Protein backbone atom coordinates (compact mmCIF):
# COMPACT_ATOMS: atom_id res chain seq x y z
CA MET A 1 25.10 -5.33 28.03
CA ASN A 2 25.67 -8.23 25.65
CA VAL A 3 22.18 -7.68 24.21
CA PHE A 4 22.90 -3.98 23.69
CA SER A 5 26.27 -4.62 22.03
CA GLN A 6 24.93 -7.34 19.72
CA THR A 7 21.93 -5.23 18.74
CA PHE A 8 23.91 -2.06 18.08
CA ASP A 9 26.40 -4.11 16.07
CA ALA A 10 23.52 -5.42 13.94
CA VAL A 11 22.15 -1.86 13.54
CA GLN A 12 25.58 -0.59 12.42
CA LYS A 13 25.93 -3.48 9.96
CA SER A 14 22.48 -2.65 8.59
CA TRP A 15 23.49 0.95 7.94
CA LYS A 16 26.76 -0.08 6.24
CA ILE A 17 24.90 -2.53 4.00
CA LEU A 18 22.33 0.10 3.03
CA MET A 19 25.10 2.57 2.20
CA ALA A 20 26.78 -0.07 0.04
CA ASP A 21 23.50 -1.08 -1.64
CA LYS A 22 21.32 2.04 -1.71
CA GLU A 23 19.19 0.49 -4.44
CA LEU A 24 17.59 -1.75 -1.79
CA ILE A 25 15.25 1.11 -0.96
CA VAL A 26 13.45 0.23 -4.22
CA PHE A 27 11.83 -2.75 -2.49
CA PRO A 28 9.99 -0.82 0.26
CA ILE A 29 9.00 1.80 -2.33
CA LEU A 30 7.37 -0.87 -4.49
CA SER A 31 5.83 -2.49 -1.41
CA GLY A 32 4.31 0.81 -0.29
CA MET A 33 2.97 1.68 -3.74
CA LEU A 34 1.37 -1.73 -4.27
CA CYS A 35 -0.12 -1.79 -0.75
CA LEU A 36 -1.61 1.63 -1.46
CA ILE A 37 -3.17 0.27 -4.66
CA VAL A 38 -4.60 -2.67 -2.71
CA SER A 39 -6.06 -0.31 -0.10
CA ILE A 40 -7.64 1.88 -2.77
CA SER A 41 -9.07 -1.16 -4.56
CA PHE A 42 -10.83 -2.19 -1.33
CA TYR A 43 -11.94 1.29 -0.31
CA PHE A 44 -13.53 2.55 -3.51
CA PRO A 45 -15.99 -0.33 -4.11
CA ILE A 46 -17.34 0.10 -0.57
CA SER A 47 -17.47 3.86 -0.95
CA ALA A 48 -19.15 3.61 -4.38
CA ALA A 49 -21.83 1.41 -2.83
CA GLY A 50 -22.67 4.28 -0.49
CA GLY A 51 -21.31 2.69 2.68
CA ASP A 52 -18.20 2.54 4.81
CA VAL A 53 -16.24 -0.08 6.75
CA THR A 54 -18.02 0.66 10.04
CA GLN A 55 -21.42 0.30 8.40
CA LEU A 56 -20.36 -2.98 6.79
CA TYR A 57 -19.23 -4.29 10.18
CA ASP A 58 -22.56 -3.35 11.79
CA THR A 59 -24.75 -4.77 9.04
CA ASN A 60 -22.78 -7.75 7.72
CA LYS A 61 -20.08 -9.05 10.06
CA ALA A 62 -19.39 -12.15 7.95
CA GLY A 63 -18.83 -10.00 4.86
CA PHE A 64 -16.68 -7.62 6.87
CA PHE A 65 -14.36 -10.38 8.14
CA ILE A 66 -14.09 -11.99 4.69
CA LEU A 67 -13.13 -8.60 3.26
CA ALA A 68 -10.72 -8.04 6.15
CA PHE A 69 -9.06 -11.41 5.52
CA LEU A 70 -8.53 -10.64 1.83
CA PHE A 71 -7.23 -7.15 2.67
CA TYR A 72 -4.78 -8.53 5.21
CA PHE A 73 -3.71 -11.36 2.90
CA PHE A 74 -2.80 -9.17 -0.09
CA ASN A 75 -1.01 -6.59 2.05
CA TYR A 76 0.91 -9.16 4.09
CA PHE A 77 1.88 -10.99 0.91
CA LEU A 78 3.32 -7.83 -0.65
CA ILE A 79 5.06 -6.69 2.52
CA THR A 80 6.64 -10.12 3.11
CA PHE A 81 7.61 -10.58 -0.55
CA PHE A 82 9.61 -7.35 -0.69
CA ASN A 83 10.90 -7.79 2.86
CA CYS A 84 12.32 -11.17 1.83
CA ALA A 85 13.94 -9.53 -1.19
CA VAL A 86 15.81 -7.06 1.05
CA ILE A 87 16.81 -9.84 3.46
CA ALA A 88 18.14 -11.99 0.60
CA CYS A 89 20.24 -9.10 -0.74
CA ALA A 90 21.53 -8.34 2.75
CA GLU A 91 22.59 -11.96 3.16
CA ILE A 92 24.50 -11.83 -0.13
CA ARG A 93 26.29 -8.64 0.95
CA MET A 94 27.19 -10.09 4.37
CA ALA A 95 28.58 -13.17 2.63
CA GLY A 96 30.92 -10.94 0.60
CA GLY A 97 28.85 -10.74 -2.59
CA ASP A 98 27.45 -7.80 -4.52
CA PRO A 99 23.65 -8.16 -4.65
CA THR A 100 21.40 -6.69 -7.31
CA ILE A 101 17.69 -5.89 -7.44
CA SER A 102 17.29 -8.95 -9.62
CA ASP A 103 18.82 -11.15 -6.91
CA GLY A 104 16.20 -9.94 -4.46
CA PHE A 105 13.30 -10.66 -6.79
CA LYS A 106 14.67 -14.10 -7.66
CA ALA A 107 15.09 -15.02 -4.00
CA SER A 108 11.55 -13.97 -3.09
CA TRP A 109 10.04 -15.65 -6.13
CA ALA A 110 11.84 -18.89 -5.25
CA VAL A 111 9.83 -19.05 -2.00
CA VAL A 112 6.64 -17.35 -3.24
CA THR A 113 4.46 -20.31 -2.14
CA PHE A 114 5.90 -20.08 1.37
CA ILE A 115 5.28 -16.33 1.34
CA ALA A 116 1.66 -16.87 0.27
CA ALA A 117 1.19 -19.47 3.03
CA TRP A 118 2.66 -17.08 5.58
CA ALA A 119 0.38 -14.28 4.35
CA MET A 120 -2.61 -16.57 4.93
CA ILE A 121 -1.41 -17.28 8.48
CA GLU A 122 -0.86 -13.57 9.13
CA ALA A 123 -4.28 -12.72 7.69
CA THR A 124 -5.94 -15.36 9.87
CA VAL A 125 -4.24 -14.00 12.98
CA GLY A 126 -5.15 -10.45 11.96
CA VAL A 127 -8.83 -11.31 11.55
CA ALA A 128 -8.85 -13.29 14.81
CA LEU A 129 -7.42 -10.32 16.69
CA LYS A 130 -9.95 -8.05 15.02
CA MET A 131 -12.77 -10.34 16.15
CA LEU A 132 -11.43 -10.33 19.72
CA GLN A 133 -11.02 -6.59 19.74
CA GLY A 134 -13.66 -4.61 21.56
CA ARG A 135 -14.51 -0.95 21.46
CA GLY A 136 -12.12 -0.03 24.25
CA GLY A 137 -11.06 -1.09 27.72
CA ARG A 138 -9.51 -4.33 28.90
CA ARG A 139 -10.22 -6.37 25.74
CA ASN A 140 -8.20 -3.97 23.62
CA ILE A 141 -5.29 -4.12 26.07
CA ILE A 142 -5.34 -7.94 25.96
CA THR A 143 -5.66 -7.97 22.17
CA GLY A 144 -2.83 -5.48 21.83
CA SER A 145 -0.62 -7.60 24.09
CA ILE A 146 -1.36 -10.73 22.06
CA GLY A 147 -0.60 -8.82 18.86
CA THR A 148 2.73 -7.60 20.26
CA LEU A 149 3.66 -11.12 21.37
CA TRP A 150 2.76 -12.47 17.91
CA THR A 151 4.92 -9.82 16.22
CA MET A 152 7.87 -10.76 18.42
CA ALA A 153 7.34 -14.49 17.92
CA SER A 154 7.20 -14.14 14.14
CA PHE A 155 10.15 -11.73 13.87
CA PHE A 156 12.49 -14.28 12.28
CA VAL A 157 9.91 -15.97 10.04
CA ALA A 158 10.80 -13.93 6.93
CA PRO A 159 14.56 -14.58 7.26
CA ARG A 160 13.90 -18.29 7.71
CA LEU A 161 11.62 -18.39 4.66
CA VAL A 162 14.13 -16.83 2.28
CA ILE A 163 17.49 -17.79 3.85
CA ASP A 164 16.74 -21.32 5.03
CA ARG A 165 14.02 -22.00 2.43
CA VAL A 166 11.64 -23.54 4.98
CA ASP A 167 7.84 -23.35 5.09
CA PRO A 168 6.21 -20.93 7.57
CA PHE A 169 5.03 -23.71 9.90
CA THR A 170 8.61 -24.96 10.27
CA ALA A 171 9.77 -21.36 10.67
CA LEU A 172 7.32 -20.86 13.52
CA LYS A 173 8.54 -23.90 15.48
CA SER A 174 11.18 -21.74 17.12
CA ALA A 175 8.75 -18.90 17.83
CA TRP A 176 8.70 -19.27 21.61
CA LYS A 177 12.49 -19.68 21.69
CA ASP A 178 12.77 -16.48 19.62
CA VAL A 179 10.61 -14.56 22.09
CA LYS A 180 12.58 -15.77 25.12
CA GLY A 181 16.00 -15.38 23.58
CA ASN A 182 15.63 -12.28 21.40
CA TRP A 183 12.96 -10.02 22.87
CA GLY A 184 15.73 -7.76 24.19
CA HIS A 185 17.34 -7.46 20.76
CA GLN A 186 13.98 -6.68 19.17
CA LEU A 187 13.18 -4.07 21.81
CA VAL A 188 16.54 -2.34 21.60
CA GLY A 189 16.48 -2.48 17.80
CA GLY A 190 12.95 -1.09 17.64
CA VAL A 191 13.80 1.78 20.00
CA SER A 192 17.02 2.49 18.07
CA PHE A 193 15.28 2.73 14.71
CA GLY A 194 12.41 4.72 16.20
CA LEU A 195 14.84 7.20 17.73
CA LEU A 196 16.86 7.37 14.51
CA GLY A 197 13.73 8.14 12.50
CA PHE A 198 12.59 10.76 15.02
CA LEU A 199 15.95 12.56 14.99
CA ALA A 200 16.03 12.46 11.18
CA VAL A 201 12.67 14.27 10.81
CA ILE A 202 13.34 16.93 13.48
CA PRO A 203 15.07 19.36 11.03
CA ALA A 204 12.10 19.12 8.64
CA ILE A 205 9.63 19.73 11.48
CA VAL A 206 11.64 22.74 12.70
CA LEU A 207 11.69 24.13 9.15
CA LEU A 208 7.92 23.73 8.96
CA PHE A 209 7.43 25.65 12.22
CA VAL A 210 9.82 28.41 11.16
CA THR A 211 7.94 29.01 7.92
CA GLY A 212 4.62 29.07 9.74
CA PHE A 213 2.99 26.19 7.81
CA THR A 214 2.18 28.58 4.96
CA ASN A 215 4.82 27.76 2.36
CA LEU A 216 3.53 24.98 0.09
CA TYR A 217 7.02 24.22 -1.24
CA VAL A 218 8.36 23.75 2.29
CA ALA A 219 5.33 21.60 3.17
CA ALA A 220 5.94 19.43 0.09
CA PHE A 221 9.63 19.13 1.01
CA VAL A 222 8.75 18.07 4.55
CA VAL A 223 6.36 15.38 3.29
CA ILE A 224 8.95 14.05 0.83
CA TRP A 225 11.62 14.13 3.54
CA ALA A 226 9.40 12.25 6.01
CA LEU A 227 8.54 9.61 3.37
CA THR A 228 12.23 9.20 2.51
CA VAL A 229 13.12 8.71 6.18
CA ALA A 230 10.29 6.19 6.57
CA LEU A 231 11.54 4.23 3.55
CA LEU A 232 15.11 4.25 4.83
CA ILE A 233 14.04 3.04 8.28
CA SER A 234 11.87 0.33 6.69
CA THR A 235 14.83 -0.89 4.62
CA LEU A 236 17.14 -0.79 7.63
CA LYS A 237 14.69 -2.87 9.68
CA SER A 238 14.64 -5.59 7.02
CA ILE A 239 18.44 -5.63 6.83
CA PHE A 240 18.53 -5.68 10.63
CA GLN A 241 16.33 -8.80 10.61
CA ALA A 242 18.80 -10.56 8.34
CA SER A 243 21.86 -9.37 10.27
CA LEU A 244 20.45 -10.32 13.67
CA TYR A 245 19.14 -13.67 12.44
CA LEU A 246 22.46 -14.65 10.88
CA SER A 247 24.38 -13.62 13.99
CA MET A 248 21.98 -15.57 16.22
CA ARG A 249 22.16 -18.61 13.96
CA ASP A 250 25.96 -18.59 13.97
């Protein structure tokens, strides 16, 4: 019950902070746009060469994994950079300040080398898991379990990078302690945000069914609504990381 109460308290704090600083949604918007540009920049050269990712994997595994590493690195760098910006702003708000977009950028830029190092670690883990992954069956279950454990172990890395200003290796020293002590908070928080997002998109889905999927304006509205919900949930998750980390640290 203590886990539930602490987690729901952190979720409520996250919502209050977002309502006080709605401009924080700018960070996941920028992250999403830049990650999309990165994805396109990797996809089109392969497509222009007359191949695809599967063909590259079958014909040139070394080239595939090098490309995968670079893809993971740039995306993880962008995601972590903007995630740290939200976390920094959330910390300022929880300390009684009034954060700005500029504060978020400054905080992330101050630890940009740590963010780059963390992106390299994340990319290495991503490629390693991809190499271990099979085409189905037990190997995928094992790989998925390892990936889930890694996600839980690294949950507080971003807050430590930008709040405590420590390198990613130092931030990871408490990884096992984080898994043992906070897996319940992460699980409850993840379910809470997932349920919140699901409930938020239900009206749009109902509207789409009522109109019979034929009205383009309604379809466009539903897409925009779903994207807005996804951005809000993404921002809330970053604030939640900061809120939970600060409460655990205290």
